[in-house]
N, C-alpha and C. Protein backbone atom coordinates (compact mmCIF):
# COMPACT_ATOMS: atom_id res chain seq x y z
N UNK A 1 18.16 2.98 -4.85
CA UNK A 1 18.03 2.65 -6.26
C UNK A 1 16.56 2.73 -6.67
N UNK A 2 16.32 3.41 -7.75
CA UNK A 2 14.96 3.56 -8.26
C UNK A 2 14.60 2.38 -9.15
N UNK A 3 13.39 1.89 -8.99
CA UNK A 3 12.92 0.75 -9.78
C UNK A 3 12.23 1.24 -11.05
N UNK A 4 12.30 0.45 -12.11
CA UNK A 4 11.72 0.81 -13.40
C UNK A 4 10.19 0.80 -13.36
N UNK A 5 9.63 -0.09 -12.57
CA UNK A 5 8.18 -0.24 -12.48
C UNK A 5 7.78 -0.31 -11.01
N UNK A 6 6.48 -0.30 -10.77
CA UNK A 6 5.94 -0.44 -9.43
C UNK A 6 5.05 -1.68 -9.42
N UNK A 7 5.27 -2.58 -8.48
CA UNK A 7 4.51 -3.83 -8.42
C UNK A 7 3.02 -3.58 -8.30
N UNK A 8 2.63 -2.60 -7.50
CA UNK A 8 1.20 -2.32 -7.30
C UNK A 8 0.55 -1.88 -8.62
N UNK A 9 1.25 -1.07 -9.39
CA UNK A 9 0.71 -0.63 -10.68
C UNK A 9 0.55 -1.80 -11.64
N UNK A 10 1.48 -2.72 -11.63
CA UNK A 10 1.39 -3.90 -12.50
C UNK A 10 0.23 -4.78 -12.07
N UNK A 11 0.09 -5.01 -10.78
CA UNK A 11 -1.02 -5.82 -10.26
C UNK A 11 -2.35 -5.16 -10.60
N UNK A 12 -2.44 -3.86 -10.42
CA UNK A 12 -3.67 -3.13 -10.72
C UNK A 12 -4.01 -3.21 -12.20
N UNK A 13 -3.00 -3.08 -13.05
CA UNK A 13 -3.23 -3.17 -14.50
C UNK A 13 -3.81 -4.53 -14.86
N UNK A 14 -3.25 -5.58 -14.30
CA UNK A 14 -3.75 -6.93 -14.62
C UNK A 14 -5.13 -7.14 -14.02
N UNK A 15 -5.36 -6.64 -12.82
CA UNK A 15 -6.68 -6.72 -12.20
C UNK A 15 -7.74 -6.07 -13.08
N UNK A 16 -7.34 -4.97 -13.74
CA UNK A 16 -8.25 -4.23 -14.61
C UNK A 16 -8.29 -4.79 -16.03
N UNK A 17 -7.74 -6.00 -16.20
CA UNK A 17 -7.78 -6.76 -17.46
C UNK A 17 -6.95 -6.14 -18.58
N UNK A 18 -5.90 -5.41 -18.21
CA UNK A 18 -4.97 -4.87 -19.21
C UNK A 18 -3.89 -5.90 -19.50
N UNK A 19 -3.35 -5.84 -20.70
CA UNK A 19 -2.25 -6.74 -21.08
C UNK A 19 -0.94 -6.17 -20.53
N UNK A 20 -0.12 -7.05 -19.97
CA UNK A 20 1.18 -6.63 -19.46
C UNK A 20 2.22 -6.72 -20.57
N UNK A 21 3.14 -5.77 -20.58
CA UNK A 21 4.21 -5.79 -21.57
C UNK A 21 5.28 -6.80 -21.16
N UNK A 22 6.09 -7.19 -22.11
CA UNK A 22 7.21 -8.09 -21.81
C UNK A 22 8.13 -7.47 -20.76
N UNK A 23 8.34 -6.15 -20.84
CA UNK A 23 9.20 -5.47 -19.87
C UNK A 23 8.63 -5.53 -18.46
N UNK A 24 7.31 -5.37 -18.35
CA UNK A 24 6.68 -5.45 -17.03
C UNK A 24 6.82 -6.85 -16.44
N UNK A 25 6.60 -7.86 -17.27
CA UNK A 25 6.71 -9.24 -16.80
C UNK A 25 8.15 -9.55 -16.40
N UNK A 26 9.10 -9.17 -17.25
CA UNK A 26 10.51 -9.41 -16.94
C UNK A 26 10.90 -8.71 -15.64
N UNK A 27 10.43 -7.46 -15.47
CA UNK A 27 10.80 -6.71 -14.28
C UNK A 27 10.24 -7.36 -13.02
N UNK A 28 8.97 -7.77 -13.04
CA UNK A 28 8.37 -8.29 -11.80
C UNK A 28 9.00 -9.62 -11.41
N UNK A 29 9.36 -10.45 -12.37
CA UNK A 29 10.04 -11.71 -12.06
C UNK A 29 11.42 -11.41 -11.47
N UNK A 30 12.15 -10.50 -12.10
CA UNK A 30 13.47 -10.13 -11.60
C UNK A 30 13.38 -9.49 -10.22
N UNK A 31 12.43 -8.58 -10.04
CA UNK A 31 12.27 -7.90 -8.76
C UNK A 31 11.89 -8.89 -7.66
N UNK A 32 11.08 -9.87 -7.99
CA UNK A 32 10.71 -10.90 -7.00
C UNK A 32 11.94 -11.69 -6.57
N UNK A 33 12.77 -12.08 -7.53
CA UNK A 33 13.96 -12.87 -7.19
C UNK A 33 14.98 -12.04 -6.41
N UNK A 34 14.93 -10.72 -6.55
CA UNK A 34 15.82 -9.83 -5.78
C UNK A 34 15.24 -9.46 -4.43
N UNK A 35 14.00 -9.86 -4.16
CA UNK A 35 13.38 -9.55 -2.88
C UNK A 35 12.70 -8.20 -2.83
N UNK A 36 12.56 -7.53 -3.97
CA UNK A 36 11.91 -6.22 -4.02
C UNK A 36 10.39 -6.38 -3.97
N UNK A 37 9.88 -7.43 -4.60
CA UNK A 37 8.45 -7.73 -4.62
C UNK A 37 8.18 -8.81 -3.59
N UNK A 38 7.21 -8.56 -2.72
CA UNK A 38 6.86 -9.51 -1.65
C UNK A 38 6.10 -10.71 -2.20
N UNK A 39 6.15 -11.81 -1.45
CA UNK A 39 5.40 -13.01 -1.81
C UNK A 39 3.92 -12.69 -2.04
N UNK A 40 3.37 -11.87 -1.17
CA UNK A 40 1.95 -11.53 -1.26
C UNK A 40 1.63 -10.75 -2.53
N UNK A 41 2.55 -9.90 -2.95
CA UNK A 41 2.33 -9.14 -4.18
C UNK A 41 2.37 -10.06 -5.40
N UNK A 42 3.32 -10.97 -5.45
CA UNK A 42 3.37 -11.88 -6.58
C UNK A 42 2.15 -12.79 -6.58
N UNK A 43 1.71 -13.21 -5.40
CA UNK A 43 0.50 -14.03 -5.31
C UNK A 43 -0.71 -13.27 -5.83
N UNK A 44 -0.82 -12.00 -5.51
CA UNK A 44 -1.93 -11.18 -6.00
C UNK A 44 -1.89 -11.06 -7.52
N UNK A 45 -0.69 -10.90 -8.08
CA UNK A 45 -0.56 -10.83 -9.54
C UNK A 45 -0.96 -12.14 -10.18
N UNK A 46 -0.50 -13.25 -9.62
CA UNK A 46 -0.84 -14.56 -10.18
C UNK A 46 -2.34 -14.82 -10.10
N UNK A 47 -3.00 -14.38 -9.03
CA UNK A 47 -4.44 -14.53 -8.93
C UNK A 47 -5.14 -13.69 -10.00
N UNK A 48 -4.66 -12.47 -10.22
CA UNK A 48 -5.25 -11.61 -11.25
C UNK A 48 -5.07 -12.22 -12.64
N UNK A 49 -3.91 -12.84 -12.88
CA UNK A 49 -3.67 -13.51 -14.16
C UNK A 49 -4.62 -14.69 -14.31
N UNK A 50 -4.79 -15.47 -13.26
CA UNK A 50 -5.69 -16.62 -13.31
C UNK A 50 -7.12 -16.18 -13.60
N UNK A 51 -7.57 -15.12 -12.95
CA UNK A 51 -8.95 -14.68 -13.09
C UNK A 51 -9.21 -13.91 -14.38
N UNK A 52 -8.21 -13.19 -14.87
CA UNK A 52 -8.42 -12.28 -16.00
C UNK A 52 -7.65 -12.64 -17.26
N UNK A 53 -6.87 -13.69 -17.19
CA UNK A 53 -6.11 -14.11 -18.38
C UNK A 53 -4.86 -13.31 -18.58
């Protein structure tokens, strides 16, 4: 099954201080609960959000 987004691209976008779309946020939360996104990836995203807003 092909995923709509890529976790690394979302993390990189937030690291680079870009705003995430509602679709990106919805996807990463859903993908995390399905086990597609690893704990470490979600942690990296949350750190980028904390540091960059």
